């Protein structure tokens, strides 16, 4: 798979190689494990907000940065898939 750029909003964009996972905030934040992970990342100064409104998803990067973003997980994955089809 070729390296692709994923635009997250605002001034935030990542390469596909930087991404560990893309997660839905509503579906994962009910878990105490996820809440603990996000809280720990925030305490370490590793949370960045790319959302102009209420975030719907978050992206975890290899450097342990967590980026909150407004597009849904489905929209973010679709962006990557569309690039893959376009760039072959």
PDB file of N, CA and C in Angstrom:
ATOM      1  N   UNK A   1       0.837  -1.159   0.000  1.00  0.00           N
ATOM      2  CA  UNK A   1       0.000   0.000   0.000  1.00  0.00           C
ATOM      3  C   UNK A   1       0.893   1.238   0.000  1.00  0.00           C
ATOM      4  N   UNK A   2       0.571   2.189  -0.876  1.00  0.00           N
ATOM      5  CA  UNK A   2       1.310   3.431  -0.952  1.00  0.00           C
ATOM      6  C   UNK A   2       0.956   4.321   0.222  1.00  0.00           C
ATOM      7  N   UNK A   3       1.886   5.190   0.565  1.00  0.00           N
ATOM      8  CA  UNK A   3       1.635   6.151   1.637  1.00  0.00           C
ATOM      9  C   UNK A   3       0.573   7.137   1.166  1.00  0.00           C
ATOM     10  N   UNK A   4      -0.397   7.380   2.027  1.00  0.00           N
ATOM     11  CA  UNK A   4      -1.484   8.283   1.710  1.00  0.00           C
ATOM     12  C   UNK A   4      -1.583   9.345   2.792  1.00  0.00           C
ATOM     13  N   UNK A   5      -2.136  10.478   2.415  1.00  0.00           N
ATOM     14  CA  UNK A   5      -2.324  11.578   3.353  1.00  0.00           C
ATOM     15  C   UNK A   5      -3.795  11.604   3.764  1.00  0.00           C
ATOM     16  N   UNK A   6      -4.032  11.635   5.064  1.00  0.00           N
ATOM     17  CA  UNK A   6      -5.392  11.716   5.592  1.00  0.00           C
ATOM     18  C   UNK A   6      -5.578  13.088   6.226  1.00  0.00           C
ATOM     19  N   UNK A   7      -6.487  13.879   5.664  1.00  0.00           N
ATOM     20  CA  UNK A   7      -6.806  15.191   6.202  1.00  0.00           C
ATOM     21  C   UNK A   7      -7.822  15.018   7.319  1.00  0.00           C
ATOM     22  N   UNK A   8      -7.494  15.564   8.506  1.00  0.00           N
ATOM     23  CA  UNK A   8      -8.338  15.394   9.683  1.00  0.00           C
ATOM     24  C   UNK A   8      -9.167  16.626  10.008  1.00  0.00           C
ATOM     25  N   UNK A   9      -8.806  17.755   9.447  1.00  0.00           N
ATOM     26  CA  UNK A   9      -9.497  19.003   9.739  1.00  0.00           C
ATOM     27  C   UNK A   9      -8.507  20.043  10.222  1.00  0.00           C
ATOM     28  N   UNK A  10      -8.885  21.309  10.078  1.00  0.00           N
ATOM     29  CA  UNK A  10      -7.996  22.387  10.497  1.00  0.00           C
ATOM     30  C   UNK A  10      -6.654  22.266   9.818  1.00  0.00           C
ATOM     31  N   UNK A  11      -5.602  22.306  10.598  1.00  0.00           N
ATOM     32  CA  UNK A  11      -4.250  22.209  10.053  1.00  0.00           C
ATOM     33  C   UNK A  11      -3.667  20.804  10.194  1.00  0.00           C
ATOM     34  N   UNK A  12      -4.515  19.828  10.460  1.00  0.00           N
ATOM     35  CA  UNK A  12      -4.054  18.479  10.759  1.00  0.00           C
ATOM     36  C   UNK A  12      -4.199  17.533   9.575  1.00  0.00           C
ATOM     37  N   UNK A  13      -3.102  16.909   9.220  1.00  0.00           N
ATOM     38  CA  UNK A  13      -3.079  15.854   8.216  1.00  0.00           C
ATOM     39  C   UNK A  13      -1.994  14.863   8.626  1.00  0.00           C
ATOM     40  N   UNK A  14      -2.237  13.597   8.366  1.00  0.00           N
ATOM     41  CA  UNK A  14      -1.291  12.543   8.722  1.00  0.00           C
ATOM     42  C   UNK A  14      -1.034  11.657   7.519  1.00  0.00           C
ATOM     43  N   UNK A  15       0.124  11.016   7.504  1.00  0.00           N
ATOM     44  CA  UNK A  15       0.327   9.970   6.506  1.00  0.00           C
ATOM     45  C   UNK A  15      -0.265   8.676   7.061  1.00  0.00           C
ATOM     46  N   UNK A  16      -0.650   7.798   6.177  1.00  0.00           N
ATOM     47  CA  UNK A  16      -1.235   6.523   6.595  1.00  0.00           C
ATOM     48  C   UNK A  16      -0.253   5.731   7.458  1.00  0.00           C
ATOM     49  N   UNK A  17       1.037   5.939   7.266  1.00  0.00           N
ATOM     50  CA  UNK A  17       2.052   5.232   8.060  1.00  0.00           C
ATOM     51  C   UNK A  17       2.078   5.683   9.516  1.00  0.00           C
ATOM     52  N   UNK A  18       1.602   6.904   9.785  1.00  0.00           N
ATOM     53  CA  UNK A  18       1.608   7.449  11.147  1.00  0.00           C
ATOM     54  C   UNK A  18       0.441   6.952  11.990  1.00  0.00           C
ATOM     55  N   UNK A  19      -0.564   6.372  11.346  1.00  0.00           N
ATOM     56  CA  UNK A  19      -1.820   6.039  12.019  1.00  0.00           C
ATOM     57  C   UNK A  19      -1.792   4.628  12.600  1.00  0.00           C
ATOM     58  N   UNK A  20      -2.105   4.531  13.896  1.00  0.00           N
ATOM     59  CA  UNK A  20      -2.275   3.233  14.538  1.00  0.00           C
ATOM     60  C   UNK A  20      -3.723   2.789  14.403  1.00  0.00           C
ATOM     61  N   UNK A  21      -4.654   3.718  14.624  1.00  0.00           N
ATOM     62  CA  UNK A  21      -6.066   3.373  14.527  1.00  0.00           C
ATOM     63  C   UNK A  21      -6.950   4.597  14.496  1.00  0.00           C
ATOM     64  N   UNK A  22      -8.153   4.390  13.973  1.00  0.00           N
ATOM     65  CA  UNK A  22      -9.183   5.423  13.907  1.00  0.00           C
ATOM     66  C   UNK A  22     -10.376   4.882  14.683  1.00  0.00           C
ATOM     67  N   UNK A  23     -10.849   5.665  15.665  1.00  0.00           N
ATOM     68  CA  UNK A  23     -11.869   5.167  16.581  1.00  0.00           C
ATOM     69  C   UNK A  23     -13.044   6.124  16.698  1.00  0.00           C
ATOM     70  N   UNK A  24     -14.235   5.566  16.824  1.00  0.00           N
ATOM     71  CA  UNK A  24     -15.449   6.341  17.032  1.00  0.00           C
ATOM     72  C   UNK A  24     -15.531   6.739  18.495  1.00  0.00           C
ATOM     73  N   UNK A  25     -15.625   8.008  18.765  1.00  0.00           N
ATOM     74  CA  UNK A  25     -15.614   8.502  20.141  1.00  0.00           C
ATOM     75  C   UNK A  25     -16.842   8.046  20.920  1.00  0.00           C
ATOM     76  N   UNK A  26     -18.019   8.081  20.301  1.00  0.00           N
ATOM     77  CA  UNK A  26     -19.236   7.664  21.001  1.00  0.00           C
ATOM     78  C   UNK A  26     -19.226   6.186  21.363  1.00  0.00           C
ATOM     79  N   UNK A  27     -18.755   5.358  20.453  1.00  0.00           N
ATOM     80  CA  UNK A  27     -18.792   3.906  20.676  1.00  0.00           C
ATOM     81  C   UNK A  27     -17.677   3.391  21.576  1.00  0.00           C
ATOM     82  N   UNK A  28     -16.606   4.156  21.726  1.00  0.00           N
ATOM     83  CA  UNK A  28     -15.493   3.658  22.528  1.00  0.00           C
ATOM     84  C   UNK A  28     -15.355   4.336  23.883  1.00  0.00           C
ATOM     85  N   UNK A  29     -15.891   5.540  24.031  1.00  0.00           N
ATOM     86  CA  UNK A  29     -15.653   6.295  25.266  1.00  0.00           C
ATOM     87  C   UNK A  29     -16.456   5.780  26.459  1.00  0.00           C
ATOM     88  N   UNK A  30     -17.397   4.874  26.242  1.00  0.00           N
ATOM     89  CA  UNK A  30     -18.125   4.285  27.373  1.00  0.00           C
ATOM     90  C   UNK A  30     -17.219   3.348  28.174  1.00  0.00           C
ATOM     91  N   UNK A  31     -16.179   2.841  27.557  1.00  0.00           N
ATOM     92  CA  UNK A  31     -15.273   1.902  28.225  1.00  0.00           C
ATOM     93  C   UNK A  31     -14.315   2.640  29.153  1.00  0.00           C
ATOM     94  N   UNK A  32     -14.157   2.135  30.366  1.00  0.00           N
ATOM     95  CA  UNK A  32     -13.222   2.761  31.301  1.00  0.00           C
ATOM     96  C   UNK A  32     -11.790   2.665  30.789  1.00  0.00           C
ATOM     97  N   UNK A  33     -11.495   1.658  29.994  1.00  0.00           N
ATOM     98  CA  UNK A  33     -10.153   1.503  29.435  1.00  0.00           C
ATOM     99  C   UNK A  33      -9.864   2.635  28.446  1.00  0.00           C
ATOM    100  N   UNK A  34     -10.824   2.907  27.570  1.00  0.00           N
ATOM    101  CA  UNK A  34     -10.646   3.995  26.605  1.00  0.00           C
ATOM    102  C   UNK A  34     -10.588   5.341  27.313  1.00  0.00           C
ATOM    103  N   UNK A  35     -11.466   5.545  28.269  1.00  0.00           N
ATOM    104  CA  UNK A  35     -11.455   6.807  29.019  1.00  0.00           C
ATOM    105  C   UNK A  35     -10.113   6.985  29.731  1.00  0.00           C
ATOM    106  N   UNK A  36      -9.583   5.914  30.299  1.00  0.00           N
ATOM    107  CA  UNK A  36      -8.275   5.970  30.949  1.00  0.00           C
ATOM    108  C   UNK A  36      -7.159   6.280  29.968  1.00  0.00           C
ATOM    109  N   UNK A  37      -7.221   5.662  28.797  1.00  0.00           N
ATOM    110  CA  UNK A  37      -6.222   5.915  27.760  1.00  0.00           C
ATOM    111  C   UNK A  37      -6.248   7.382  27.336  1.00  0.00           C
ATOM    112  N   UNK A  38      -7.464   7.894  27.061  1.00  0.00           N
ATOM    113  CA  UNK A  38      -7.599   9.286  26.624  1.00  0.00           C
ATOM    114  C   UNK A  38      -7.191  10.260  27.729  1.00  0.00           C
ATOM    115  N   UNK A  39      -7.545   9.954  28.954  1.00  0.00           N
ATOM    116  CA  UNK A  39      -7.174  10.797  30.083  1.00  0.00           C
ATOM    117  C   UNK A  39      -5.656  10.835  30.253  1.00  0.00           C
ATOM    118  N   UNK A  40      -5.024   9.681  30.147  1.00  0.00           N
ATOM    119  CA  UNK A  40      -3.570   9.605  30.258  1.00  0.00           C
ATOM    120  C   UNK A  40      -2.873  10.383  29.145  1.00  0.00           C
ATOM    121  N   UNK A  41      -3.404  10.261  27.925  1.00  0.00           N
ATOM    122  CA  UNK A  41      -2.829  11.001  26.800  1.00  0.00           C
ATOM    123  C   UNK A  41      -2.970  12.505  27.028  1.00  0.00           C
ATOM    124  N   UNK A  42      -4.105  12.913  27.561  1.00  0.00           N
ATOM    125  CA  UNK A  42      -4.315  14.332  27.844  1.00  0.00           C
ATOM    126  C   UNK A  42      -3.354  14.830  28.925  1.00  0.00           C
ATOM    127  N   UNK A  43      -3.152  14.041  29.964  1.00  0.00           N
ATOM    128  CA  UNK A  43      -2.235  14.422  31.041  1.00  0.00           C
ATOM    129  C   UNK A  43      -0.798  14.547  30.546  1.00  0.00           C
ATOM    130  N   UNK A  44      -0.432  13.730  29.548  1.00  0.00           N
ATOM    131  CA  UNK A  44       0.920  13.792  28.972  1.00  0.00           C
ATOM    132  C   UNK A  44       1.040  14.867  27.893  1.00  0.00           C
ATOM    133  N   UNK A  45      -0.047  15.581  27.621  1.00  0.00           N
ATOM    134  CA  UNK A  45      -0.021  16.630  26.603  1.00  0.00           C
ATOM    135  C   UNK A  45      -0.020  16.091  25.193  1.00  0.00           C
ATOM    136  N   UNK A  46      -0.563  14.882  25.020  1.00  0.00           N
ATOM    137  CA  UNK A  46      -0.546  14.213  23.721  1.00  0.00           C
ATOM    138  C   UNK A  46      -1.864  14.303  22.961  1.00  0.00           C
ATOM    139  N   UNK A  47      -2.834  15.060  23.465  1.00  0.00           N
ATOM    140  CA  UNK A  47      -4.124  15.186  22.779  1.00  0.00           C
ATOM    141  C   UNK A  47      -4.160  16.516  22.036  1.00  0.00           C
ATOM    142  N   UNK A  48      -4.505  16.433  20.755  1.00  0.00           N
ATOM    143  CA  UNK A  48      -4.671  17.623  19.930  1.00  0.00           C
ATOM    144  C   UNK A  48      -6.076  17.615  19.359  1.00  0.00           C
ATOM    145  N   UNK A  49      -6.651  18.784  19.190  1.00  0.00           N
ATOM    146  CA  UNK A  49      -8.028  18.881  18.720  1.00  0.00           C
ATOM    147  C   UNK A  49      -8.063  19.481  17.322  1.00  0.00           C
ATOM    148  N   UNK A  50      -8.491  18.682  16.341  1.00  0.00           N
ATOM    149  CA  UNK A  50      -8.647  19.143  14.966  1.00  0.00           C
ATOM    150  C   UNK A  50     -10.105  19.450  14.658  1.00  0.00           C
ATOM    151  N   UNK A  51     -10.986  19.264  15.628  1.00  0.00           N
ATOM    152  CA  UNK A  51     -12.426  19.460  15.418  1.00  0.00           C
ATOM    153  C   UNK A  51     -12.805  20.911  15.671  1.00  0.00           C
ATOM    154  N   UNK A  52     -13.601  21.468  14.786  1.00  0.00           N
ATOM    155  CA  UNK A  52     -14.116  22.820  14.982  1.00  0.00           C
ATOM    156  C   UNK A  52     -15.368  22.797  15.851  1.00  0.00           C
ATOM    157  N   UNK A  53     -15.977  21.656  15.977  1.00  0.00           N
ATOM    158  CA  UNK A  53     -17.180  21.471  16.778  1.00  0.00           C
ATOM    159  C   UNK A  53     -16.948  20.248  17.665  1.00  0.00           C
ATOM    160  N   UNK A  54     -17.996  19.592  18.077  1.00  0.00           N
ATOM    161  CA  UNK A  54     -17.878  18.405  18.920  1.00  0.00           C
ATOM    162  C   UNK A  54     -17.189  17.280  18.139  1.00  0.00           C
ATOM    163  N   UNK A  55     -16.100  16.723  18.676  1.00  0.00           N
ATOM    164  CA  UNK A  55     -15.411  15.646  17.965  1.00  0.00           C
ATOM    165  C   UNK A  55     -16.257  14.372  17.911  1.00  0.00           C
ATOM    166  N   UNK A  56     -16.160  13.669  16.779  1.00  0.00           N
ATOM    167  CA  UNK A  56     -16.888  12.418  16.592  1.00  0.00           C
ATOM    168  C   UNK A  56     -15.971  11.208  16.607  1.00  0.00           C
ATOM    169  N   UNK A  57     -14.694  11.436  16.376  1.00  0.00           N
ATOM    170  CA  UNK A  57     -13.762  10.318  16.345  1.00  0.00           C
ATOM    171  C   UNK A  57     -12.394  10.793  16.821  1.00  0.00           C
ATOM    172  N   UNK A  58     -11.504   9.817  17.016  1.00  0.00           N
ATOM    173  CA  UNK A  58     -10.123  10.166  17.359  1.00  0.00           C
ATOM    174  C   UNK A  58      -9.177   9.222  16.646  1.00  0.00           C
ATOM    175  N   UNK A  59      -8.003   9.756  16.349  1.00  0.00           N
ATOM    176  CA  UNK A  59      -6.970   9.008  15.639  1.00  0.00           C
ATOM    177  C   UNK A  59      -5.786   8.860  16.581  1.00  0.00           C
ATOM    178  N   UNK A  60      -5.298   7.638  16.717  1.00  0.00           N
ATOM    179  CA  UNK A  60      -4.117   7.363  17.538  1.00  0.00           C
ATOM    180  C   UNK A  60      -2.932   7.193  16.589  1.00  0.00           C
ATOM    181  N   UNK A  61      -1.852   7.912  16.906  1.00  0.00           N
ATOM    182  CA  UNK A  61      -0.649   7.889  16.073  1.00  0.00           C
ATOM    183  C   UNK A  61       0.446   7.053  16.738  1.00  0.00           C
ATOM    184  N   UNK A  62       1.441   6.676  15.947  1.00  0.00           N
ATOM    185  CA  UNK A  62       2.557   5.879  16.468  1.00  0.00           C
ATOM    186  C   UNK A  62       3.325   6.584  17.574  1.00  0.00           C
ATOM    187  N   UNK A  63       3.355   7.920  17.548  1.00  0.00           N
ATOM    188  CA  UNK A  63       4.081   8.654  18.597  1.00  0.00           C
ATOM    189  C   UNK A  63       3.202   8.887  19.832  1.00  0.00           C
ATOM    190  N   UNK A  64       2.087   8.159  19.911  1.00  0.00           N
ATOM    191  CA  UNK A  64       1.136   8.193  21.027  1.00  0.00           C
ATOM    192  C   UNK A  64       0.306   9.468  21.077  1.00  0.00           C
ATOM    193  N   UNK A  65       0.372  10.294  20.037  1.00  0.00           N
ATOM    194  CA  UNK A  65      -0.499  11.454  19.941  1.00  0.00           C
ATOM    195  C   UNK A  65      -1.911  10.985  19.620  1.00  0.00           C
ATOM    196  N   UNK A  66      -2.885  11.651  20.225  1.00  0.00           N
ATOM    197  CA  UNK A  66      -4.296  11.397  19.950  1.00  0.00           C
ATOM    198  C   UNK A  66      -4.867  12.671  19.348  1.00  0.00           C
ATOM    199  N   UNK A  67      -5.465  12.553  18.163  1.00  0.00           N
ATOM    200  CA  UNK A  67      -6.046  13.720  17.512  1.00  0.00           C
ATOM    201  C   UNK A  67      -7.553  13.548  17.462  1.00  0.00           C
ATOM    202  N   UNK A  68      -8.260  14.473  18.097  1.00  0.00           N
ATOM    203  CA  UNK A  68      -9.718  14.485  18.065  1.00  0.00           C
ATOM    204  C   UNK A  68     -10.146  15.142  16.761  1.00  0.00           C
ATOM    205  N   UNK A  69     -11.120  14.561  16.082  1.00  0.00           N
ATOM    206  CA  UNK A  69     -11.516  15.067  14.775  1.00  0.00           C
ATOM    207  C   UNK A  69     -13.029  14.998  14.599  1.00  0.00           C
ATOM    208  N   UNK A  70     -13.543  15.880  13.795  1.00  0.00           N
ATOM    209  CA  UNK A  70     -14.983  15.955  13.595  1.00  0.00           C
ATOM    210  C   UNK A  70     -15.535  14.913  12.628  1.00  0.00           C
ATOM    211  N   UNK A  71     -14.867  14.601  11.523  1.00  0.00           N
ATOM    212  CA  UNK A  71     -15.432  13.586  10.631  1.00  0.00           C
ATOM    213  C   UNK A  71     -15.588  12.241  11.346  1.00  0.00           C
ATOM    214  N   UNK A  72     -16.598  11.498  10.946  1.00  0.00           N
ATOM    215  CA  UNK A  72     -16.826  10.171  11.524  1.00  0.00           C
ATOM    216  C   UNK A  72     -15.719   9.220  11.089  1.00  0.00           C
ATOM    217  N   UNK A  73     -15.633   8.099  11.787  1.00  0.00           N
ATOM    218  CA  UNK A  73     -14.640   7.088  11.405  1.00  0.00           C
ATOM    219  C   UNK A  73     -14.901   6.602   9.984  1.00  0.00           C
ATOM    220  N   UNK A  74     -16.173   6.446   9.627  1.00  0.00           N
ATOM    221  CA  UNK A  74     -16.519   5.986   8.278  1.00  0.00           C
ATOM    222  C   UNK A  74     -16.026   6.980   7.230  1.00  0.00           C
ATOM    223  N   UNK A  75     -16.177   8.273   7.495  1.00  0.00           N
ATOM    224  CA  UNK A  75     -15.724   9.294   6.544  1.00  0.00           C
ATOM    225  C   UNK A  75     -14.203   9.273   6.412  1.00  0.00           C
ATOM    226  N   UNK A  76     -13.503   9.122   7.521  1.00  0.00           N
ATOM    227  CA  UNK A  76     -12.040   9.087   7.468  1.00  0.00           C
ATOM    228  C   UNK A  76     -11.539   7.865   6.708  1.00  0.00           C
ATOM    229  N   UNK A  77     -12.130   6.719   6.968  1.00  0.00           N
ATOM    230  CA  UNK A  77     -11.736   5.490   6.262  1.00  0.00           C
ATOM    231  C   UNK A  77     -12.057   5.619   4.770  1.00  0.00           C
ATOM    232  N   UNK A  78     -13.200   6.207   4.463  1.00  0.00           N
ATOM    233  CA  UNK A  78     -13.586   6.411   3.061  1.00  0.00           C
ATOM    234  C   UNK A  78     -12.573   7.314   2.356  1.00  0.00           C
ATOM    235  N   UNK A  79     -12.086   8.341   3.032  1.00  0.00           N
ATOM    236  CA  UNK A  79     -11.064   9.214   2.441  1.00  0.00           C
ATOM    237  C   UNK A  79      -9.816   8.420   2.074  1.00  0.00           C
ATOM    238  N   UNK A  80      -9.388   7.538   2.975  1.00  0.00           N
ATOM    239  CA  UNK A  80      -8.218   6.705   2.682  1.00  0.00           C
ATOM    240  C   UNK A  80      -8.480   5.756   1.523  1.00  0.00           C
ATOM    241  N   UNK A  81      -9.651   5.126   1.515  1.00  0.00           N
ATOM    242  CA  UNK A  81      -9.996   4.192   0.433  1.00  0.00           C
ATOM    243  C   UNK A  81     -10.073   4.899  -0.908  1.00  0.00           C
ATOM    244  N   UNK A  82     -10.643   6.098  -0.930  1.00  0.00           N
ATOM    245  CA  UNK A  82     -10.741   6.853  -2.182  1.00  0.00           C
ATOM    246  C   UNK A  82      -9.361   7.214  -2.715  1.00  0.00           C
ATOM    247  N   UNK A  83      -8.453   7.584  -1.827  1.00  0.00           N
ATOM    248  CA  UNK A  83      -7.079   7.868  -2.260  1.00  0.00           C
ATOM    249  C   UNK A  83      -6.402   6.636  -2.816  1.00  0.00           C
ATOM    250  N   UNK A  84      -6.640   5.498  -2.169  1.00  0.00           N
ATOM    251  CA  UNK A  84      -6.022   4.257  -2.632  1.00  0.00           C
ATOM    252  C   UNK A  84      -6.515   3.904  -4.032  1.00  0.00           C
ATOM    253  N   UNK A  85      -7.817   4.062  -4.268  1.00  0.00           N
ATOM    254  CA  UNK A  85      -8.367   3.789  -5.603  1.00  0.00           C
ATOM    255  C   UNK A  85      -7.818   4.764  -6.634  1.00  0.00           C
ATOM    256  N   UNK A  86      -7.730   6.034  -6.268  1.00  0.00           N
ATOM    257  CA  UNK A  86      -7.269   7.068  -7.175  1.00  0.00           C
ATOM    258  C   UNK A  86      -5.792   6.909  -7.505  1.00  0.00           C
ATOM    259  N   UNK A  87      -4.998   6.613  -6.485  1.00  0.00           N
ATOM    260  CA  UNK A  87      -3.549   6.522  -6.668  1.00  0.00           C
ATOM    261  C   UNK A  87      -3.080   5.137  -7.082  1.00  0.00           C
ATOM    262  N   UNK A  88      -3.997   4.192  -7.037  1.00  0.00           N
ATOM    263  CA  UNK A  88      -3.738   2.832  -7.462  1.00  0.00           C
ATOM    264  C   UNK A  88      -2.680   2.184  -6.704  1.00  0.00           C
TER     265      UNK A  88
END
